All heavy atoms as atom14 arrays in JSON, in Angstrom:
{
  "sequence": "SGRTLGGYAMAWFRQTPGKEREFVVLIRWHTGVTDYADSAKGRFT",
  "atom14_mask": [
    [1, 1, 1, 1, 1, 1, 0, 0, 0, 0, 0, 0, 0, 0],
    [1, 1, 1, 1, 0, 0, 0, 0, 0, 0, 0, 0, 0, 0],
    [1, 1, 1, 1, 1, 1, 1, 1, 1, 1, 1, 0, 0, 0],
    [1, 1, 1, 1, 1, 1, 1, 0, 0, 0, 0, 0, 0, 0],
    [1, 1, 1, 1, 1, 1, 1, 1, 0, 0, 0, 0, 0, 0],
    [1, 1, 1, 1, 0, 0, 0, 0, 0, 0, 0, 0, 0, 0],
    [1, 1, 1, 1, 0, 0, 0, 0, 0, 0, 0, 0, 0, 0],
    [1, 1, 1, 1, 1, 1, 1, 1, 1, 1, 1, 1, 0, 0],
    [1, 1, 1, 1, 1, 0, 0, 0, 0, 0, 0, 0, 0, 0],
    [1, 1, 1, 1, 1, 1, 1, 1, 0, 0, 0, 0, 0, 0],
    [1, 1, 1, 1, 1, 0, 0, 0, 0, 0, 0, 0, 0, 0],
    [1, 1, 1, 1, 1, 1, 1, 1, 1, 1, 1, 1, 1, 1],
    [1, 1, 1, 1, 1, 1, 1, 1, 1, 1, 1, 0, 0, 0],
    [1, 1, 1, 1, 1, 1, 1, 1, 1, 1, 1, 0, 0, 0],
    [1, 1, 1, 1, 1, 1, 1, 1, 1, 0, 0, 0, 0, 0],
    [1, 1, 1, 1, 1, 1, 1, 0, 0, 0, 0, 0, 0, 0],
    [1, 1, 1, 1, 1, 1, 1, 0, 0, 0, 0, 0, 0, 0],
    [1, 1, 1, 1, 0, 0, 0, 0, 0, 0, 0, 0, 0, 0],
    [1, 1, 1, 1, 1, 1, 1, 1, 1, 0, 0, 0, 0, 0],
    [1, 1, 1, 1, 1, 1, 1, 1, 1, 0, 0, 0, 0, 0],
    [1, 1, 1, 1, 1, 1, 1, 1, 1, 1, 1, 0, 0, 0],
    [1, 1, 1, 1, 1, 1, 1, 1, 1, 0, 0, 0, 0, 0],
    [1, 1, 1, 1, 1, 1, 1, 1, 1, 1, 1, 0, 0, 0],
    [1, 1, 1, 1, 1, 1, 1, 0, 0, 0, 0, 0, 0, 0],
    [1, 1, 1, 1, 1, 1, 1, 0, 0, 0, 0, 0, 0, 0],
    [1, 1, 1, 1, 1, 1, 1, 1, 0, 0, 0, 0, 0, 0],
    [1, 1, 1, 1, 1, 1, 1, 1, 0, 0, 0, 0, 0, 0],
    [1, 1, 1, 1, 1, 1, 1, 1, 1, 1, 1, 0, 0, 0],
    [1, 1, 1, 1, 1, 1, 1, 1, 1, 1, 1, 1, 1, 1],
    [1, 1, 1, 1, 1, 1, 1, 1, 1, 1, 0, 0, 0, 0],
    [1, 1, 1, 1, 1, 1, 1, 0, 0, 0, 0, 0, 0, 0],
    [1, 1, 1, 1, 0, 0, 0, 0, 0, 0, 0, 0, 0, 0],
    [1, 1, 1, 1, 1, 1, 1, 0, 0, 0, 0, 0, 0, 0],
    [1, 1, 1, 1, 1, 1, 1, 0, 0, 0, 0, 0, 0, 0],
    [1, 1, 1, 1, 1, 1, 1, 1, 0, 0, 0, 0, 0, 0],
    [1, 1, 1, 1, 1, 1, 1, 1, 1, 1, 1, 1, 0, 0],
    [1, 1, 1, 1, 1, 0, 0, 0, 0, 0, 0, 0, 0, 0],
    [1, 1, 1, 1, 1, 1, 1, 1, 0, 0, 0, 0, 0, 0],
    [1, 1, 1, 1, 1, 1, 0, 0, 0, 0, 0, 0, 0, 0],
    [1, 1, 1, 1, 1, 0, 0, 0, 0, 0, 0, 0, 0, 0],
    [1, 1, 1, 1, 1, 1, 1, 1, 1, 0, 0, 0, 0, 0],
    [1, 1, 1, 1, 0, 0, 0, 0, 0, 0, 0, 0, 0, 0],
    [1, 1, 1, 1, 1, 1, 1, 1, 1, 1, 1, 0, 0, 0],
    [1, 1, 1, 1, 1, 1, 1, 1, 1, 1, 1, 0, 0, 0],
    [1, 1, 1, 1, 1, 1, 1, 0, 0, 0, 0, 0, 0, 0]
  ],
  "atom14_positions": [
    [[95.05, 131.9, 106.96], [94.23, 132.97, 106.43], [92.93, 133.02, 107.21], [92.57, 132.07, 107.89], [93.95, 132.8, 104.94], [93.25, 131.59, 104.69], [0.0, 0.0, 0.0], [0.0, 0.0, 0.0], [0.0, 0.0, 0.0], [0.0, 0.0, 0.0], [0.0, 0.0, 0.0], [0.0, 0.0, 0.0], [0.0, 0.0, 0.0], [0.0, 0.0, 0.0]],
    [[92.22, 134.13, 107.11], [90.99, 134.29, 107.85], [91.16, 135.25, 109.02], [91.87, 136.24, 108.91], [0.0, 0.0, 0.0], [0.0, 0.0, 0.0], [0.0, 0.0, 0.0], [0.0, 0.0, 0.0], [0.0, 0.0, 0.0], [0.0, 0.0, 0.0], [0.0, 0.0, 0.0], [0.0, 0.0, 0.0], [0.0, 0.0, 0.0], [0.0, 0.0, 0.0]],
    [[90.53, 134.92, 110.13], [90.54, 135.8, 111.3], [91.92, 135.92, 111.91], [92.8, 135.1, 111.66], [89.54, 135.31, 112.34], [89.86, 133.93, 112.91], [89.22, 133.76, 114.28], [89.86, 134.61, 115.26], [89.4, 134.87, 116.47], [88.23, 134.35, 116.85], [90.06, 135.64, 117.31], [0.0, 0.0, 0.0], [0.0, 0.0, 0.0], [0.0, 0.0, 0.0]],
    [[92.09, 136.93, 112.76], [93.35, 137.11, 113.47], [93.64, 135.93, 114.37], [92.74, 135.28, 114.9], [93.33, 138.4, 114.3], [94.56, 138.55, 114.99], [92.19, 138.37, 115.32], [0.0, 0.0, 0.0], [0.0, 0.0, 0.0], [0.0, 0.0, 0.0], [0.0, 0.0, 0.0], [0.0, 0.0, 0.0], [0.0, 0.0, 0.0], [0.0, 0.0, 0.0]],
    [[94.93, 135.64, 114.53], [95.37, 134.51, 115.33], [95.84, 134.92, 116.72], [96.45, 134.12, 117.43], [96.5, 133.78, 114.61], [96.15, 133.2, 113.24], [97.4, 132.67, 112.56], [95.11, 132.1, 113.39], [0.0, 0.0, 0.0], [0.0, 0.0, 0.0], [0.0, 0.0, 0.0], [0.0, 0.0, 0.0], [0.0, 0.0, 0.0], [0.0, 0.0, 0.0]],
    [[95.55, 136.14, 117.14], [96.08, 136.66, 118.39], [95.8, 135.82, 119.61], [96.62, 135.75, 120.52], [0.0, 0.0, 0.0], [0.0, 0.0, 0.0], [0.0, 0.0, 0.0], [0.0, 0.0, 0.0], [0.0, 0.0, 0.0], [0.0, 0.0, 0.0], [0.0, 0.0, 0.0], [0.0, 0.0, 0.0], [0.0, 0.0, 0.0], [0.0, 0.0, 0.0]],
    [[94.66, 135.18, 119.67], [94.3, 134.37, 120.82], [94.52, 132.88, 120.65], [94.05, 132.09, 121.48], [0.0, 0.0, 0.0], [0.0, 0.0, 0.0], [0.0, 0.0, 0.0], [0.0, 0.0, 0.0], [0.0, 0.0, 0.0], [0.0, 0.0, 0.0], [0.0, 0.0, 0.0], [0.0, 0.0, 0.0], [0.0, 0.0, 0.0], [0.0, 0.0, 0.0]],
    [[95.24, 132.48, 119.64], [95.37, 131.07, 119.27], [96.72, 130.47, 119.65], [97.72, 131.17, 119.78], [95.22, 130.91, 117.76], [93.79, 130.91, 117.27], [93.06, 132.08, 117.22], [93.2, 129.73, 116.84], [91.75, 132.08, 116.77], [91.9, 129.72, 116.37], [91.18, 130.9, 116.34], [89.89, 130.89, 115.88], [0.0, 0.0, 0.0], [0.0, 0.0, 0.0]],
    [[96.69, 129.17, 119.83], [97.9, 128.36, 119.75], [97.96, 127.73, 118.37], [96.93, 127.32, 117.82], [97.9, 127.27, 120.81], [0.0, 0.0, 0.0], [0.0, 0.0, 0.0], [0.0, 0.0, 0.0], [0.0, 0.0, 0.0], [0.0, 0.0, 0.0], [0.0, 0.0, 0.0], [0.0, 0.0, 0.0], [0.0, 0.0, 0.0], [0.0, 0.0, 0.0]],
    [[99.14, 127.66, 117.81], [99.35, 126.94, 116.57], [100.31, 125.8, 116.84], [101.3, 125.98, 117.55], [99.86, 127.86, 115.47], [98.87, 128.94, 115.08], [99.36, 129.87, 113.62], [99.19, 128.6, 112.35], [0.0, 0.0, 0.0], [0.0, 0.0, 0.0], [0.0, 0.0, 0.0], [0.0, 0.0, 0.0], [0.0, 0.0, 0.0], [0.0, 0.0, 0.0]],
    [[100.02, 124.66, 116.28], [100.75, 123.45, 116.63], [101.02, 122.6, 115.4], [100.34, 122.71, 114.38], [99.97, 122.62, 117.66], [0.0, 0.0, 0.0], [0.0, 0.0, 0.0], [0.0, 0.0, 0.0], [0.0, 0.0, 0.0], [0.0, 0.0, 0.0], [0.0, 0.0, 0.0], [0.0, 0.0, 0.0], [0.0, 0.0, 0.0], [0.0, 0.0, 0.0]],
    [[102.02, 121.75, 115.54], [102.3, 120.7, 114.57], [102.02, 119.35, 115.21], [102.46, 119.09, 116.34], [103.75, 120.74, 114.08], [104.05, 121.91, 113.2], [104.62, 123.09, 113.57], [103.82, 122.0, 111.79], [104.75, 123.92, 112.49], [104.26, 123.27, 111.37], [103.28, 121.13, 110.84], [104.18, 123.7, 110.05], [103.19, 121.56, 109.53], [103.63, 122.82, 109.15]],
    [[101.26, 118.54, 114.5], [101.03, 117.15, 114.85], [101.53, 116.27, 113.71], [101.71, 116.74, 112.6], [99.54, 116.87, 115.08], [98.99, 117.48, 116.34], [98.66, 118.82, 116.4], [98.78, 116.69, 117.47], [98.15, 119.38, 117.55], [98.25, 117.24, 118.63], [97.94, 118.58, 118.67], [0.0, 0.0, 0.0], [0.0, 0.0, 0.0], [0.0, 0.0, 0.0]],
    [[101.71, 114.99, 113.99], [102.07, 114.05, 112.94], [101.32, 112.75, 113.14], [100.94, 112.39, 114.25], [103.58, 113.82, 112.88], [104.17, 113.15, 114.11], [105.69, 113.17, 114.03], [106.32, 112.46, 115.12], [107.63, 112.42, 115.34], [108.46, 113.06, 114.52], [108.12, 111.74, 116.37], [0.0, 0.0, 0.0], [0.0, 0.0, 0.0], [0.0, 0.0, 0.0]],
    [[101.13, 112.02, 112.03], [100.35, 110.8, 112.08], [100.85, 109.81, 111.04], [101.12, 110.19, 109.9], [98.87, 111.09, 111.85], [97.95, 109.91, 112.07], [96.49, 110.31, 112.1], [96.1, 111.31, 111.49], [95.68, 109.56, 112.81], [0.0, 0.0, 0.0], [0.0, 0.0, 0.0], [0.0, 0.0, 0.0], [0.0, 0.0, 0.0], [0.0, 0.0, 0.0]],
    [[100.95, 108.55, 111.44], [101.28, 107.46, 110.54], [100.09, 106.51, 110.48], [99.25, 106.5, 111.39], [102.53, 106.7, 110.99], [102.35, 106.23, 112.33], [103.75, 107.61, 110.95], [0.0, 0.0, 0.0], [0.0, 0.0, 0.0], [0.0, 0.0, 0.0], [0.0, 0.0, 0.0], [0.0, 0.0, 0.0], [0.0, 0.0, 0.0], [0.0, 0.0, 0.0]],
    [[99.97, 105.69, 109.43], [98.82, 104.79, 109.3], [98.64, 103.89, 110.51], [99.59, 103.28, 111.0], [99.14, 103.98, 108.05], [100.02, 104.89, 107.24], [100.85, 105.62, 108.26], [0.0, 0.0, 0.0], [0.0, 0.0, 0.0], [0.0, 0.0, 0.0], [0.0, 0.0, 0.0], [0.0, 0.0, 0.0], [0.0, 0.0, 0.0], [0.0, 0.0, 0.0]],
    [[97.42, 103.83, 111.02], [97.09, 102.96, 112.14], [97.45, 103.51, 113.5], [97.23, 102.82, 114.5], [0.0, 0.0, 0.0], [0.0, 0.0, 0.0], [0.0, 0.0, 0.0], [0.0, 0.0, 0.0], [0.0, 0.0, 0.0], [0.0, 0.0, 0.0], [0.0, 0.0, 0.0], [0.0, 0.0, 0.0], [0.0, 0.0, 0.0], [0.0, 0.0, 0.0]],
    [[97.99, 104.71, 113.56], [98.37, 105.3, 114.83], [97.62, 106.6, 115.07], [97.15, 107.25, 114.14], [99.88, 105.56, 114.87], [100.73, 104.31, 114.75], [102.21, 104.64, 114.84], [103.06, 103.39, 114.74], [104.51, 103.69, 114.82], [0.0, 0.0, 0.0], [0.0, 0.0, 0.0], [0.0, 0.0, 0.0], [0.0, 0.0, 0.0], [0.0, 0.0, 0.0]],
    [[97.52, 106.97, 116.34], [96.87, 108.22, 116.7], [97.73, 109.41, 116.31], [98.95, 109.3, 116.21], [96.57, 108.26, 118.2], [95.56, 107.24, 118.67], [95.21, 107.39, 120.13], [95.84, 108.22, 120.82], [94.3, 106.7, 120.59], [0.0, 0.0, 0.0], [0.0, 0.0, 0.0], [0.0, 0.0, 0.0], [0.0, 0.0, 0.0], [0.0, 0.0, 0.0]],
    [[97.07, 110.52, 116.09], [97.78, 111.74, 115.79], [98.61, 112.16, 117.0], [98.12, 112.23, 118.13], [96.78, 112.83, 115.41], [97.4, 114.02, 114.71], [96.35, 114.82, 113.95], [95.78, 114.05, 112.85], [94.93, 114.55, 111.96], [94.54, 115.81, 112.03], [94.45, 113.77, 110.99], [0.0, 0.0, 0.0], [0.0, 0.0, 0.0], [0.0, 0.0, 0.0]],
    [[99.88, 112.47, 116.77], [100.86, 112.72, 117.82], [101.25, 114.19, 117.85], [101.61, 114.77, 116.83], [102.1, 111.85, 117.59], [103.24, 112.1, 118.57], [104.52, 111.41, 118.16], [104.59, 110.89, 117.03], [105.46, 111.38, 118.99], [0.0, 0.0, 0.0], [0.0, 0.0, 0.0], [0.0, 0.0, 0.0], [0.0, 0.0, 0.0], [0.0, 0.0, 0.0]],
    [[101.22, 114.77, 119.03], [101.66, 116.14, 119.23], [103.16, 116.25, 119.02], [103.93, 115.41, 119.5], [101.3, 116.61, 120.64], [101.9, 117.92, 121.03], [101.35, 119.11, 120.58], [103.01, 117.98, 121.85], [101.89, 120.33, 120.94], [103.57, 119.19, 122.22], [103.01, 120.37, 121.76], [0.0, 0.0, 0.0], [0.0, 0.0, 0.0], [0.0, 0.0, 0.0]],
    [[103.59, 117.3, 118.32], [105.01, 117.55, 118.09], [105.46, 118.82, 118.81], [106.41, 118.79, 119.6], [105.32, 117.67, 116.59], [106.81, 117.94, 116.37], [104.91, 116.4, 115.86], [0.0, 0.0, 0.0], [0.0, 0.0, 0.0], [0.0, 0.0, 0.0], [0.0, 0.0, 0.0], [0.0, 0.0, 0.0], [0.0, 0.0, 0.0], [0.0, 0.0, 0.0]],
    [[104.8, 119.94, 118.55], [105.18, 121.21, 119.15], [104.06, 122.22, 118.94], [103.28, 122.11, 117.99], [106.49, 121.73, 118.52], [106.33, 121.99, 117.02], [107.01, 122.97, 119.23], [0.0, 0.0, 0.0], [0.0, 0.0, 0.0], [0.0, 0.0, 0.0], [0.0, 0.0, 0.0], [0.0, 0.0, 0.0], [0.0, 0.0, 0.0], [0.0, 0.0, 0.0]],
    [[103.97, 123.2, 119.84], [103.04, 124.31, 119.66], [103.72, 125.63, 119.94], [104.77, 125.69, 120.58], [101.8, 124.16, 120.55], [101.93, 124.26, 122.08], [102.02, 125.71, 122.56], [100.74, 123.58, 122.75], [0.0, 0.0, 0.0], [0.0, 0.0, 0.0], [0.0, 0.0, 0.0], [0.0, 0.0, 0.0], [0.0, 0.0, 0.0], [0.0, 0.0, 0.0]],
    [[103.11, 126.68, 119.44], [103.55, 128.04, 119.73], [102.32, 128.9, 119.95], [101.36, 128.82, 119.2], [104.46, 128.6, 118.61], [105.01, 129.97, 119.0], [103.73, 128.68, 117.27], [106.16, 130.43, 118.1], [0.0, 0.0, 0.0], [0.0, 0.0, 0.0], [0.0, 0.0, 0.0], [0.0, 0.0, 0.0], [0.0, 0.0, 0.0], [0.0, 0.0, 0.0]],
    [[102.34, 129.7, 121.01], [101.29, 130.67, 121.23], [101.51, 131.83, 120.29], [102.58, 132.45, 120.29], [101.3, 131.15, 122.68], [101.18, 130.03, 123.72], [99.8, 129.42, 123.72], [99.71, 128.3, 124.65], [98.65, 127.51, 124.78], [97.57, 127.73, 124.04], [98.67, 126.51, 125.65], [0.0, 0.0, 0.0], [0.0, 0.0, 0.0], [0.0, 0.0, 0.0]],
    [[100.51, 132.11, 119.45], [100.71, 133.05, 118.36], [101.14, 134.42, 118.84], [102.07, 135.01, 118.29], [99.43, 133.16, 117.52], [99.64, 134.0, 116.31], [99.14, 135.25, 116.08], [100.42, 133.66, 115.16], [99.55, 135.71, 114.85], [100.34, 134.76, 114.27], [101.17, 132.54, 114.81], [100.99, 134.77, 113.05], [101.83, 132.54, 113.59], [101.73, 133.64, 112.73]],
    [[100.49, 134.95, 119.87], [100.78, 136.3, 120.31], [102.06, 136.38, 121.14], [102.9, 137.26, 120.92], [99.61, 136.86, 121.11], [99.85, 138.24, 121.62], [99.95, 139.34, 120.78], [100.02, 138.73, 122.88], [100.17, 140.43, 121.49], [100.21, 140.09, 122.77], [0.0, 0.0, 0.0], [0.0, 0.0, 0.0], [0.0, 0.0, 0.0], [0.0, 0.0, 0.0]],
    [[102.22, 135.48, 122.1], [103.34, 135.56, 123.03], [104.6, 134.88, 122.53], [105.7, 135.21, 122.98], [102.98, 134.94, 124.38], [102.78, 133.53, 124.22], [101.7, 135.57, 124.94], [0.0, 0.0, 0.0], [0.0, 0.0, 0.0], [0.0, 0.0, 0.0], [0.0, 0.0, 0.0], [0.0, 0.0, 0.0], [0.0, 0.0, 0.0], [0.0, 0.0, 0.0]],
    [[104.48, 133.93, 121.64], [105.62, 133.18, 121.17], [106.06, 132.06, 122.09], [107.09, 131.42, 121.81], [0.0, 0.0, 0.0], [0.0, 0.0, 0.0], [0.0, 0.0, 0.0], [0.0, 0.0, 0.0], [0.0, 0.0, 0.0], [0.0, 0.0, 0.0], [0.0, 0.0, 0.0], [0.0, 0.0, 0.0], [0.0, 0.0, 0.0], [0.0, 0.0, 0.0]],
    [[105.34, 131.82, 123.16], [105.68, 130.73, 124.08], [105.54, 129.4, 123.35], [104.56, 129.17, 122.64], [104.79, 130.77, 125.32], [105.02, 129.54, 126.2], [105.06, 132.03, 126.13], [0.0, 0.0, 0.0], [0.0, 0.0, 0.0], [0.0, 0.0, 0.0], [0.0, 0.0, 0.0], [0.0, 0.0, 0.0], [0.0, 0.0, 0.0], [0.0, 0.0, 0.0]],
    [[106.51, 128.53, 123.54], [106.54, 127.25, 122.85], [106.48, 126.08, 123.82], [106.76, 126.21, 125.01], [107.82, 127.11, 122.0], [108.97, 127.21, 122.85], [107.88, 128.2, 120.94], [0.0, 0.0, 0.0], [0.0, 0.0, 0.0], [0.0, 0.0, 0.0], [0.0, 0.0, 0.0], [0.0, 0.0, 0.0], [0.0, 0.0, 0.0], [0.0, 0.0, 0.0]],
    [[106.11, 124.93, 123.29], [106.08, 123.69, 124.05], [106.42, 122.56, 123.09], [105.73, 122.38, 122.09], [104.71, 123.47, 124.7], [104.66, 122.21, 125.56], [105.67, 121.88, 126.19], [103.58, 121.57, 125.61], [0.0, 0.0, 0.0], [0.0, 0.0, 0.0], [0.0, 0.0, 0.0], [0.0, 0.0, 0.0], [0.0, 0.0, 0.0], [0.0, 0.0, 0.0]],
    [[107.48, 121.81, 123.4], [107.95, 120.74, 122.53], [107.7, 119.38, 123.15], [107.94, 119.17, 124.34], [109.46, 120.88, 122.29], [109.85, 122.05, 121.43], [110.04, 123.31, 121.97], [110.07, 121.88, 120.06], [110.41, 124.38, 121.18], [110.45, 122.94, 119.27], [110.62, 124.19, 119.83], [111.0, 125.25, 119.04], [0.0, 0.0, 0.0], [0.0, 0.0, 0.0]],
    [[107.27, 118.44, 122.32], [107.25, 117.05, 122.72], [108.68, 116.56, 122.89], [109.62, 117.09, 122.28], [106.52, 116.2, 121.69], [0.0, 0.0, 0.0], [0.0, 0.0, 0.0], [0.0, 0.0, 0.0], [0.0, 0.0, 0.0], [0.0, 0.0, 0.0], [0.0, 0.0, 0.0], [0.0, 0.0, 0.0], [0.0, 0.0, 0.0], [0.0, 0.0, 0.0]],
    [[108.85, 115.52, 123.72], [110.19, 114.99, 123.94], [110.84, 114.54, 122.63], [112.06, 114.66, 122.46], [110.14, 113.82, 124.92], [109.86, 114.26, 126.35], [110.02, 115.46, 126.65], [109.49, 113.41, 127.16], [0.0, 0.0, 0.0], [0.0, 0.0, 0.0], [0.0, 0.0, 0.0], [0.0, 0.0, 0.0], [0.0, 0.0, 0.0], [0.0, 0.0, 0.0]],
    [[110.05, 114.03, 121.71], [110.58, 113.54, 120.45], [111.17, 114.65, 119.59], [111.97, 114.38, 118.7], [109.48, 112.81, 119.67], [108.4, 113.68, 119.38], [0.0, 0.0, 0.0], [0.0, 0.0, 0.0], [0.0, 0.0, 0.0], [0.0, 0.0, 0.0], [0.0, 0.0, 0.0], [0.0, 0.0, 0.0], [0.0, 0.0, 0.0], [0.0, 0.0, 0.0]],
    [[110.76, 115.89, 119.85], [111.19, 117.02, 119.04], [112.27, 117.87, 119.7], [112.98, 118.61, 119.0], [109.99, 117.91, 118.71], [0.0, 0.0, 0.0], [0.0, 0.0, 0.0], [0.0, 0.0, 0.0], [0.0, 0.0, 0.0], [0.0, 0.0, 0.0], [0.0, 0.0, 0.0], [0.0, 0.0, 0.0], [0.0, 0.0, 0.0], [0.0, 0.0, 0.0]],
    [[112.41, 117.77, 121.0], [113.35, 118.62, 121.72], [114.77, 118.4, 121.23], [115.24, 117.28, 121.07], [113.29, 118.33, 123.22], [112.01, 118.81, 123.89], [112.01, 118.46, 125.37], [110.73, 118.93, 126.04], [110.67, 118.54, 127.47], [0.0, 0.0, 0.0], [0.0, 0.0, 0.0], [0.0, 0.0, 0.0], [0.0, 0.0, 0.0], [0.0, 0.0, 0.0]],
    [[115.46, 119.51, 120.96], [116.84, 119.46, 120.52], [117.02, 119.25, 119.05], [118.15, 119.4, 118.54], [0.0, 0.0, 0.0], [0.0, 0.0, 0.0], [0.0, 0.0, 0.0], [0.0, 0.0, 0.0], [0.0, 0.0, 0.0], [0.0, 0.0, 0.0], [0.0, 0.0, 0.0], [0.0, 0.0, 0.0], [0.0, 0.0, 0.0], [0.0, 0.0, 0.0]],
    [[115.97, 118.9, 118.33], [116.07, 118.64, 116.89], [115.16, 119.54, 116.06], [115.52, 119.9, 114.94], [115.73, 117.18, 116.58], [116.65, 116.17, 117.25], [116.41, 114.77, 116.7], [115.03, 114.33, 116.94], [114.22, 113.87, 115.99], [114.64, 113.8, 114.73], [112.99, 113.48, 116.29], [0.0, 0.0, 0.0], [0.0, 0.0, 0.0], [0.0, 0.0, 0.0]],
    [[113.99, 119.86, 116.58], [113.0, 120.65, 115.84], [112.89, 122.03, 116.46], [113.04, 122.2, 117.68], [111.63, 119.99, 115.88], [111.53, 118.66, 115.18], [110.33, 117.97, 115.17], [112.63, 118.08, 114.55], [110.21, 116.75, 114.53], [112.53, 116.85, 113.92], [111.31, 116.19, 113.91], [0.0, 0.0, 0.0], [0.0, 0.0, 0.0], [0.0, 0.0, 0.0]],
    [[112.59, 123.02, 115.63], [112.38, 124.38, 116.09], [111.14, 124.96, 115.42], [111.03, 124.93, 114.2], [113.58, 125.28, 115.78], [114.76, 124.73, 116.38], [113.35, 126.68, 116.34], [0.0, 0.0, 0.0], [0.0, 0.0, 0.0], [0.0, 0.0, 0.0], [0.0, 0.0, 0.0], [0.0, 0.0, 0.0], [0.0, 0.0, 0.0], [0.0, 0.0, 0.0]]
  ]
}
């Protein structure tokens, strides 16, 4: 909610106790271009 997301990337990260936040996947809001971490490729969409 809030301002338009046209110029944004939206991403999923994950984190477990004692570990750094880990990138999972992103999508460019306007274009739909995606980028997957190796851990997510083939399993997550």
